[in-house]
Amino acid sequence: MPDVPHRNANEANQELFDCGAEKPRLRRTEVPAYLARRHGLIVARSTLAKLASAGGGPRFQKVGRMVLYPLIELDQWSEEKLGPLKRNTSEH
């Protein structure tokens, strides 16, 4: 059996990004950077934890104790937070 070099999770994730693939779910620690880059929203990791407990945040999944946020849920939640585009301040 040939020797296969051991890769850590960061190397595997970097390889995914290098080939243009995006992870379908993000850990809570990764979400603030994604929301800032993709939607211009600044949301702290602690705020996400609070919203997961109290409600009002993006929907998530759990694997054991790990919380994972599907990208589609983050995008939908962000659009809801941002609301519709307006042409002027008098629009409701």
PDB file of N, CA and C in Angstrom:
ATOM      1  N   MET A   1       0.859  -1.180   0.000  1.00  0.00           N
ATOM      2  CA  MET A   1       0.000   0.000   0.000  1.00  0.00           C
ATOM      3  C   MET A   1       0.900   1.237   0.000  1.00  0.00           C
ATOM      4  N   PRO A   2       0.679   2.196  -0.912  1.00  0.00           N
ATOM      5  CA  PRO A   2       1.531   3.379  -0.970  1.00  0.00           C
ATOM      6  C   PRO A   2       1.290   4.296   0.224  1.00  0.00           C
ATOM      7  N   ASP A   3       2.350   4.990   0.606  1.00  0.00           N
ATOM      8  CA  ASP A   3       2.232   5.957   1.692  1.00  0.00           C
ATOM      9  C   ASP A   3       1.471   7.182   1.197  1.00  0.00           C
ATOM     10  N   VAL A   4       0.429   7.559   1.934  1.00  0.00           N
ATOM     11  CA  VAL A   4      -0.345   8.758   1.614  1.00  0.00           C
ATOM     12  C   VAL A   4      -0.015   9.791   2.673  1.00  0.00           C
ATOM     13  N   PRO A   5       0.469  10.959   2.242  1.00  0.00           N
ATOM     14  CA  PRO A   5       0.803  11.972   3.252  1.00  0.00           C
ATOM     15  C   PRO A   5      -0.434  12.409   4.014  1.00  0.00           C
ATOM     16  N   HIS A   6      -0.266  12.587   5.300  1.00  0.00           N
ATOM     17  CA  HIS A   6      -1.371  13.019   6.158  1.00  0.00           C
ATOM     18  C   HIS A   6      -1.600  14.511   5.955  1.00  0.00           C
ATOM     19  N   ARG A   7      -2.854  14.900   5.740  1.00  0.00           N
ATOM     20  CA  ARG A   7      -3.208  16.310   5.602  1.00  0.00           C
ATOM     21  C   ARG A   7      -4.059  16.717   6.790  1.00  0.00           C
ATOM     22  N   ASN A   8      -3.805  17.892   7.300  1.00  0.00           N
ATOM     23  CA  ASN A   8      -4.677  18.366   8.375  1.00  0.00           C
ATOM     24  C   ASN A   8      -5.895  19.050   7.765  1.00  0.00           C
ATOM     25  N   ALA A   9      -6.860  19.399   8.583  1.00  0.00           N
ATOM     26  CA  ALA A   9      -8.127  19.967   8.100  1.00  0.00           C
ATOM     27  C   ALA A   9      -7.910  21.280   7.363  1.00  0.00           C
ATOM     28  N   ASN A  10      -6.982  22.115   7.840  1.00  0.00           N
ATOM     29  CA  ASN A  10      -6.738  23.394   7.175  1.00  0.00           C
ATOM     30  C   ASN A  10      -6.206  23.191   5.764  1.00  0.00           C
ATOM     31  N   GLU A  11      -5.311  22.224   5.591  1.00  0.00           N
ATOM     32  CA  GLU A  11      -4.780  21.943   4.250  1.00  0.00           C
ATOM     33  C   GLU A  11      -5.883  21.433   3.334  1.00  0.00           C
ATOM     34  N   ALA A  12      -6.740  20.573   3.853  1.00  0.00           N
ATOM     35  CA  ALA A  12      -7.851  20.045   3.052  1.00  0.00           C
ATOM     36  C   ALA A  12      -8.809  21.161   2.664  1.00  0.00           C
ATOM     37  N   ASN A  13      -9.131  22.050   3.611  1.00  0.00           N
ATOM     38  CA  ASN A  13     -10.024  23.166   3.316  1.00  0.00           C
ATOM     39  C   ASN A  13      -9.402  24.109   2.296  1.00  0.00           C
ATOM     40  N   GLN A  14      -8.106  24.381   2.433  1.00  0.00           N
ATOM     41  CA  GLN A  14      -7.429  25.261   1.487  1.00  0.00           C
ATOM     42  C   GLN A  14      -7.449  24.662   0.091  1.00  0.00           C
ATOM     43  N   GLU A  15      -7.294  23.358   0.014  1.00  0.00           N
ATOM     44  CA  GLU A  15      -7.353  22.684  -1.278  1.00  0.00           C
ATOM     45  C   GLU A  15      -8.743  22.838  -1.910  1.00  0.00           C
ATOM     46  N   LEU A  16      -9.791  22.758  -1.095  1.00  0.00           N
ATOM     47  CA  LEU A  16     -11.147  22.972  -1.604  1.00  0.00           C
ATOM     48  C   LEU A  16     -11.300  24.376  -2.178  1.00  0.00           C
ATOM     49  N   PHE A  17     -10.817  25.379  -1.446  1.00  0.00           N
ATOM     50  CA  PHE A  17     -10.934  26.752  -1.914  1.00  0.00           C
ATOM     51  C   PHE A  17     -10.077  26.985  -3.150  1.00  0.00           C
ATOM     52  N   ASP A  18      -8.890  26.377  -3.195  1.00  0.00           N
ATOM     53  CA  ASP A  18      -7.998  26.545  -4.339  1.00  0.00           C
ATOM     54  C   ASP A  18      -8.616  26.011  -5.620  1.00  0.00           C
ATOM     55  N   CYS A  19      -9.399  24.949  -5.527  1.00  0.00           N
ATOM     56  CA  CYS A  19      -9.994  24.374  -6.733  1.00  0.00           C
ATOM     57  C   CYS A  19     -11.350  25.010  -7.051  1.00  0.00           C
ATOM     58  N   GLY A  20     -11.726  26.055  -6.323  1.00  0.00           N
ATOM     59  CA  GLY A  20     -12.952  26.775  -6.623  1.00  0.00           C
ATOM     60  C   GLY A  20     -14.183  26.229  -5.925  1.00  0.00           C
ATOM     61  N   ALA A  21     -14.042  25.164  -5.145  1.00  0.00           N
ATOM     62  CA  ALA A  21     -15.193  24.595  -4.445  1.00  0.00           C
ATOM     63  C   ALA A  21     -15.380  25.324  -3.126  1.00  0.00           C
ATOM     64  N   GLU A  22     -16.616  25.521  -2.753  1.00  0.00           N
ATOM     65  CA  GLU A  22     -16.920  26.150  -1.477  1.00  0.00           C
ATOM     66  C   GLU A  22     -17.539  25.113  -0.560  1.00  0.00           C
ATOM     67  N   LYS A  23     -17.204  25.176   0.710  1.00  0.00           N
ATOM     68  CA  LYS A  23     -17.800  24.241   1.657  1.00  0.00           C
ATOM     69  C   LYS A  23     -19.299  24.511   1.748  1.00  0.00           C
ATOM     70  N   PRO A  24     -20.113  23.470   1.835  1.00  0.00           N
ATOM     71  CA  PRO A  24     -21.564  23.686   1.908  1.00  0.00           C
ATOM     72  C   PRO A  24     -22.023  24.199   3.269  1.00  0.00           C
ATOM     73  N   ARG A  25     -21.221  24.011   4.302  1.00  0.00           N
ATOM     74  CA  ARG A  25     -21.564  24.452   5.652  1.00  0.00           C
ATOM     75  C   ARG A  25     -20.323  25.048   6.305  1.00  0.00           C
ATOM     76  N   LEU A  26     -20.556  26.022   7.178  1.00  0.00           N
ATOM     77  CA  LEU A  26     -19.459  26.664   7.894  1.00  0.00           C
ATOM     78  C   LEU A  26     -19.632  26.486   9.393  1.00  0.00           C
ATOM     79  N   ARG A  27     -18.510  26.378  10.083  1.00  0.00           N
ATOM     80  CA  ARG A  27     -18.537  26.381  11.544  1.00  0.00           C
ATOM     81  C   ARG A  27     -18.813  27.801  12.020  1.00  0.00           C
ATOM     82  N   ARG A  28     -19.271  27.911  13.237  1.00  0.00           N
ATOM     83  CA  ARG A  28     -19.618  29.233  13.774  1.00  0.00           C
ATOM     84  C   ARG A  28     -18.423  30.185  13.722  1.00  0.00           C
ATOM     85  N   THR A  29     -17.227  29.678  13.924  1.00  0.00           N
ATOM     86  CA  THR A  29     -16.042  30.543  13.889  1.00  0.00           C
ATOM     87  C   THR A  29     -15.769  31.104  12.497  1.00  0.00           C
ATOM     88  N   GLU A  30     -16.270  30.437  11.458  1.00  0.00           N
ATOM     89  CA  GLU A  30     -16.035  30.867  10.079  1.00  0.00           C
ATOM     90  C   GLU A  30     -17.109  31.818   9.559  1.00  0.00           C
ATOM     91  N   VAL A  31     -18.256  31.824  10.216  1.00  0.00           N
ATOM     92  CA  VAL A  31     -19.405  32.572   9.716  1.00  0.00           C
ATOM     93  C   VAL A  31     -19.184  34.088   9.691  1.00  0.00           C
ATOM     94  N   PRO A  32     -18.623  34.720  10.721  1.00  0.00           N
ATOM     95  CA  PRO A  32     -18.464  36.182  10.665  1.00  0.00           C
ATOM     96  C   PRO A  32     -17.680  36.657   9.439  1.00  0.00           C
ATOM     97  N   ALA A  33     -16.607  35.974   9.088  1.00  0.00           N
ATOM     98  CA  ALA A  33     -15.811  36.370   7.918  1.00  0.00           C
ATOM     99  C   ALA A  33     -16.625  36.202   6.637  1.00  0.00           C
ATOM    100  N   TYR A  34     -17.391  35.130   6.551  1.00  0.00           N
ATOM    101  CA  TYR A  34     -18.219  34.888   5.367  1.00  0.00           C
ATOM    102  C   TYR A  34     -19.272  35.983   5.218  1.00  0.00           C
ATOM    103  N   LEU A  35     -19.977  36.296   6.305  1.00  0.00           N
ATOM    104  CA  LEU A  35     -21.029  37.314   6.239  1.00  0.00           C
ATOM    105  C   LEU A  35     -20.459  38.685   5.887  1.00  0.00           C
ATOM    106  N   ALA A  36     -19.289  39.003   6.416  1.00  0.00           N
ATOM    107  CA  ALA A  36     -18.659  40.285   6.109  1.00  0.00           C
ATOM    108  C   ALA A  36     -18.231  40.338   4.645  1.00  0.00           C
ATOM    109  N   ARG A  37     -17.613  39.277   4.162  1.00  0.00           N
ATOM    110  CA  ARG A  37     -17.117  39.244   2.786  1.00  0.00           C
ATOM    111  C   ARG A  37     -18.254  39.194   1.771  1.00  0.00           C
ATOM    112  N   ARG A  38     -19.227  38.352   2.034  1.00  0.00           N
ATOM    113  CA  ARG A  38     -20.291  38.100   1.049  1.00  0.00           C
ATOM    114  C   ARG A  38     -21.411  39.141   1.096  1.00  0.00           C
ATOM    115  N   HIS A  39     -21.755  39.606   2.325  1.00  0.00           N
ATOM    116  CA  HIS A  39     -22.926  40.475   2.474  1.00  0.00           C
ATOM    117  C   HIS A  39     -22.625  41.819   3.120  1.00  0.00           C
ATOM    118  N   GLY A  40     -21.409  42.018   3.589  1.00  0.00           N
ATOM    119  CA  GLY A  40     -21.073  43.275   4.249  1.00  0.00           C
ATOM    120  C   GLY A  40     -21.668  43.406   5.641  1.00  0.00           C
ATOM    121  N   LEU A  41     -22.082  42.287   6.230  1.00  0.00           N
ATOM    122  CA  LEU A  41     -22.661  42.292   7.582  1.00  0.00           C
ATOM    123  C   LEU A  41     -21.587  41.958   8.609  1.00  0.00           C
ATOM    124  N   ILE A  42     -21.545  42.737   9.662  1.00  0.00           N
ATOM    125  CA  ILE A  42     -20.625  42.467  10.762  1.00  0.00           C
ATOM    126  C   ILE A  42     -21.427  41.818  11.882  1.00  0.00           C
ATOM    127  N   VAL A  43     -21.190  40.537  12.108  1.00  0.00           N
ATOM    128  CA  VAL A  43     -21.892  39.776  13.139  1.00  0.00           C
ATOM    129  C   VAL A  43     -20.842  38.979  13.915  1.00  0.00           C
ATOM    130  N   ALA A  44     -20.786  39.195  15.211  1.00  0.00           N
ATOM    131  CA  ALA A  44     -19.802  38.507  16.048  1.00  0.00           C
ATOM    132  C   ALA A  44     -20.199  37.050  16.270  1.00  0.00           C
ATOM    133  N   ARG A  45     -19.212  36.228  16.503  1.00  0.00           N
ATOM    134  CA  ARG A  45     -19.448  34.816  16.811  1.00  0.00           C
ATOM    135  C   ARG A  45     -20.332  34.687  18.050  1.00  0.00           C
ATOM    136  N   SER A  46     -20.106  35.545  19.042  1.00  0.00           N
ATOM    137  CA  SER A  46     -20.914  35.496  20.265  1.00  0.00           C
ATOM    138  C   SER A  46     -22.374  35.860  19.984  1.00  0.00           C
ATOM    139  N   THR A  47     -22.601  36.748  19.033  1.00  0.00           N
ATOM    140  CA  THR A  47     -23.969  37.102  18.647  1.00  0.00           C
ATOM    141  C   THR A  47     -24.657  35.907  17.997  1.00  0.00           C
ATOM    142  N   LEU A  48     -23.930  35.183  17.157  1.00  0.00           N
ATOM    143  CA  LEU A  48     -24.492  33.977  16.545  1.00  0.00           C
ATOM    144  C   LEU A  48     -24.869  32.949  17.606  1.00  0.00           C
ATOM    145  N   ALA A  49     -24.023  32.795  18.619  1.00  0.00           N
ATOM    146  CA  ALA A  49     -24.307  31.846  19.704  1.00  0.00           C
ATOM    147  C   ALA A  49     -25.561  32.276  20.466  1.00  0.00           C
ATOM    148  N   LYS A  50     -25.670  33.566  20.741  1.00  0.00           N
ATOM    149  CA  LYS A  50     -26.841  34.084  21.452  1.00  0.00           C
ATOM    150  C   LYS A  50     -28.105  33.876  20.628  1.00  0.00           C
ATOM    151  N   LEU A  51     -28.034  34.184  19.324  1.00  0.00           N
ATOM    152  CA  LEU A  51     -29.194  34.015  18.456  1.00  0.00           C
ATOM    153  C   LEU A  51     -29.579  32.544  18.309  1.00  0.00           C
ATOM    154  N   ALA A  52     -28.604  31.653  18.349  1.00  0.00           N
ATOM    155  CA  ALA A  52     -28.903  30.218  18.278  1.00  0.00           C
ATOM    156  C   ALA A  52     -29.686  29.771  19.500  1.00  0.00           C
ATOM    157  N   SER A  53     -29.433  30.411  20.625  1.00  0.00           N
ATOM    158  CA  SER A  53     -30.120  30.061  21.870  1.00  0.00           C
ATOM    159  C   SER A  53     -31.474  30.758  21.984  1.00  0.00           C
ATOM    160  N   ALA A  54     -31.499  32.059  21.676  1.00  0.00           N
ATOM    161  CA  ALA A  54     -32.710  32.861  21.873  1.00  0.00           C
ATOM    162  C   ALA A  54     -33.635  32.861  20.658  1.00  0.00           C
ATOM    163  N   GLY A  55     -33.083  32.579  19.484  1.00  0.00           N
ATOM    164  CA  GLY A  55     -33.868  32.634  18.261  1.00  0.00           C
ATOM    165  C   GLY A  55     -33.591  33.904  17.486  1.00  0.00           C
ATOM    166  N   GLY A  56     -33.932  33.871  16.221  1.00  0.00           N
ATOM    167  CA  GLY A  56     -33.751  35.050  15.382  1.00  0.00           C
ATOM    168  C   GLY A  56     -32.522  35.010  14.498  1.00  0.00           C
ATOM    169  N   GLY A  57     -31.699  34.006  14.667  1.00  0.00           N
ATOM    170  CA  GLY A  57     -30.494  33.886  13.845  1.00  0.00           C
ATOM    171  C   GLY A  57     -30.702  32.955  12.673  1.00  0.00           C
ATOM    172  N   PRO A  58     -29.643  32.728  11.914  1.00  0.00           N
ATOM    173  CA  PRO A  58     -29.754  31.796  10.792  1.00  0.00           C
ATOM    174  C   PRO A  58     -29.962  30.369  11.293  1.00  0.00           C
ATOM    175  N   ARG A  59     -30.682  29.563  10.516  1.00  0.00           N
ATOM    176  CA  ARG A  59     -30.890  28.166  10.899  1.00  0.00           C
ATOM    177  C   ARG A  59     -29.563  27.423  10.795  1.00  0.00           C
ATOM    178  N   PHE A  60     -29.403  26.404  11.616  1.00  0.00           N
ATOM    179  CA  PHE A  60     -28.143  25.658  11.677  1.00  0.00           C
ATOM    180  C   PHE A  60     -28.412  24.193  11.893  1.00  0.00           C
ATOM    181  N   GLN A  61     -27.362  23.410  11.784  1.00  0.00           N
ATOM    182  CA  GLN A  61     -27.409  21.976  12.068  1.00  0.00           C
ATOM    183  C   GLN A  61     -26.355  21.673  13.114  1.00  0.00           C
ATOM    184  N   LYS A  62     -26.530  20.563  13.802  1.00  0.00           N
ATOM    185  CA  LYS A  62     -25.534  20.148  14.796  1.00  0.00           C
ATOM    186  C   LYS A  62     -25.032  18.753  14.473  1.00  0.00           C
ATOM    187  N   VAL A  63     -23.748  18.589  14.644  1.00  0.00           N
ATOM    188  CA  VAL A  63     -23.098  17.283  14.572  1.00  0.00           C
ATOM    189  C   VAL A  63     -22.410  17.136  15.920  1.00  0.00           C
ATOM    190  N   GLY A  64     -23.023  16.360  16.799  1.00  0.00           N
ATOM    191  CA  GLY A  64     -22.520  16.308  18.169  1.00  0.00           C
ATOM    192  C   GLY A  64     -22.672  17.690  18.789  1.00  0.00           C
ATOM    193  N   ARG A  65     -21.563  18.253  19.243  1.00  0.00           N
ATOM    194  CA  ARG A  65     -21.588  19.597  19.821  1.00  0.00           C
ATOM    195  C   ARG A  65     -21.253  20.679  18.804  1.00  0.00           C
ATOM    196  N   MET A  66     -20.834  20.270  17.618  1.00  0.00           N
ATOM    197  CA  MET A  66     -20.429  21.230  16.588  1.00  0.00           C
ATOM    198  C   MET A  66     -21.653  21.804  15.871  1.00  0.00           C
ATOM    199  N   VAL A  67     -21.679  23.125  15.752  1.00  0.00           N
ATOM    200  CA  VAL A  67     -22.752  23.829  15.064  1.00  0.00           C
ATOM    201  C   VAL A  67     -22.276  24.150  13.650  1.00  0.00           C
ATOM    202  N   LEU A  68     -23.108  23.807  12.664  1.00  0.00           N
ATOM    203  CA  LEU A  68     -22.786  24.077  11.267  1.00  0.00           C
ATOM    204  C   LEU A  68     -23.908  24.890  10.631  1.00  0.00           C
ATOM    205  N   TYR A  69     -23.516  25.907   9.890  1.00  0.00           N
ATOM    206  CA  TYR A  69     -24.471  26.780   9.217  1.00  0.00           C
ATOM    207  C   TYR A  69     -24.395  26.522   7.712  1.00  0.00           C
ATOM    208  N   PRO A  70     -25.469  26.023   7.098  1.00  0.00           N
ATOM    209  CA  PRO A  70     -25.473  25.875   5.642  1.00  0.00           C
ATOM    210  C   PRO A  70     -25.376  27.254   4.980  1.00  0.00           C
ATOM    211  N   LEU A  71     -24.585  27.354   3.925  1.00  0.00           N
ATOM    212  CA  LEU A  71     -24.408  28.637   3.243  1.00  0.00           C
ATOM    213  C   LEU A  71     -25.734  29.218   2.777  1.00  0.00           C
ATOM    214  N   ILE A  72     -26.610  28.379   2.277  1.00  0.00           N
ATOM    215  CA  ILE A  72     -27.903  28.878   1.789  1.00  0.00           C
ATOM    216  C   ILE A  72     -28.712  29.536   2.909  1.00  0.00           C
ATOM    217  N   GLU A  73     -28.609  28.993   4.119  1.00  0.00           N
ATOM    218  CA  GLU A  73     -29.311  29.590   5.273  1.00  0.00           C
ATOM    219  C   GLU A  73     -28.686  30.923   5.654  1.00  0.00           C
ATOM    220  N   LEU A  74     -27.359  31.004   5.591  1.00  0.00           N
ATOM    221  CA  LEU A  74     -26.677  32.268   5.900  1.00  0.00           C
ATOM    222  C   LEU A  74     -27.057  33.338   4.881  1.00  0.00           C
ATOM    223  N   ASP A  75     -27.116  32.953   3.615  1.00  0.00           N
ATOM    224  CA  ASP A  75     -27.472  33.905   2.567  1.00  0.00           C
ATOM    225  C   ASP A  75     -28.920  34.379   2.725  1.00  0.00           C
ATOM    226  N   GLN A  76     -29.839  33.457   3.005  1.00  0.00           N
ATOM    227  CA  GLN A  76     -31.247  33.831   3.182  1.00  0.00           C
ATOM    228  C   GLN A  76     -31.423  34.732   4.395  1.00  0.00           C
ATOM    229  N   TRP A  77     -30.785  34.389   5.503  1.00  0.00           N
ATOM    230  CA  TRP A  77     -30.886  35.183   6.713  1.00  0.00           C
ATOM    231  C   TRP A  77     -30.334  36.588   6.481  1.00  0.00           C
ATOM    232  N   SER A  78     -29.222  36.680   5.776  1.00  0.00           N
ATOM    233  CA  SER A  78     -28.609  37.984   5.488  1.00  0.00           C
ATOM    234  C   SER A  78     -29.541  38.850   4.648  1.00  0.00           C
ATOM    235  N   GLU A  79     -30.159  38.250   3.637  1.00  0.00           N
ATOM    236  CA  GLU A  79     -31.089  38.999   2.791  1.00  0.00           C
ATOM    237  C   GLU A  79     -32.284  39.497   3.602  1.00  0.00           C
ATOM    238  N   GLU A  80     -32.769  38.673   4.538  1.00  0.00           N
ATOM    239  CA  GLU A  80     -33.869  39.098   5.405  1.00  0.00           C
ATOM    240  C   GLU A  80     -33.446  40.267   6.284  1.00  0.00           C
ATOM    241  N   LYS A  81     -32.218  40.196   6.815  1.00  0.00           N
ATOM    242  CA  LYS A  81     -31.711  41.270   7.667  1.00  0.00           C
ATOM    243  C   LYS A  81     -31.546  42.562   6.874  1.00  0.00           C
ATOM    244  N   LEU A  82     -31.056  42.444   5.646  1.00  0.00           N
ATOM    245  CA  LEU A  82     -30.802  43.628   4.825  1.00  0.00           C
ATOM    246  C   LEU A  82     -32.089  44.264   4.323  1.00  0.00           C
ATOM    247  N   GLY A  83     -33.089  43.459   4.050  1.00  0.00           N
ATOM    248  CA  GLY A  83     -34.349  43.986   3.542  1.00  0.00           C
ATOM    249  C   GLY A  83     -34.249  44.348   2.065  1.00  0.00           C
ATOM    250  N   PRO A  84     -35.346  44.861   1.517  1.00  0.00           N
ATOM    251  CA  PRO A  84     -35.373  45.181   0.083  1.00  0.00           C
ATOM    252  C   PRO A  84     -34.567  46.440  -0.237  1.00  0.00           C
ATOM    253  N   LEU A  85     -34.156  46.558  -1.503  1.00  0.00           N
ATOM    254  CA  LEU A  85     -33.480  47.760  -1.976  1.00  0.00           C
ATOM    255  C   LEU A  85     -34.474  48.910  -2.041  1.00  0.00           C
ATOM    256  N   LYS A  86     -33.979  50.116  -1.758  1.00  0.00           N
ATOM    257  CA  LYS A  86     -34.831  51.308  -1.794  1.00  0.00           C
ATOM    258  C   LYS A  86     -34.164  52.364  -2.657  1.00  0.00           C
ATOM    259  N   ARG A  87     -34.974  53.199  -3.258  1.00  0.00           N
ATOM    260  CA  ARG A  87     -34.461  54.295  -4.079  1.00  0.00           C
ATOM    261  C   ARG A  87     -34.285  55.590  -3.262  1.00  0.00           C
ATOM    262  N   ASN A  88     -35.046  55.720  -2.167  1.00  0.00           N
ATOM    263  CA  ASN A  88     -34.913  56.896  -1.326  1.00  0.00           C
ATOM    264  C   ASN A  88     -35.375  56.541   0.085  1.00  0.00           C
ATOM    265  N   THR A  89     -35.144  57.450   1.021  1.00  0.00           N
ATOM    266  CA  THR A  89     -35.443  57.178   2.431  1.00  0.00           C
ATOM    267  C   THR A  89     -36.922  57.229   2.758  1.00  0.00           C
ATOM    268  N   SER A  90     -37.750  57.782   1.848  1.00  0.00           N
ATOM    269  CA  SER A  90     -39.180  57.865   2.136  1.00  0.00           C
ATOM    270  C   SER A  90     -39.925  56.562   1.794  1.00  0.00           C
ATOM    271  N   GLU A  91     -39.260  55.622   1.121  1.00  0.00           N
ATOM    272  CA  GLU A  91     -39.900  54.351   0.819  1.00  0.00           C
ATOM    273  C   GLU A  91     -39.993  53.516   2.091  1.00  0.00           C
ATOM    274  N   HIS A  92     -41.101  52.789   2.233  1.00  0.00           N
ATOM    275  CA  HIS A  92     -41.286  51.958   3.426  1.00  0.00           C
ATOM    276  C   HIS A  92     -41.025  50.552   3.115  1.00  0.00           C
TER     277      HIS A  92
END
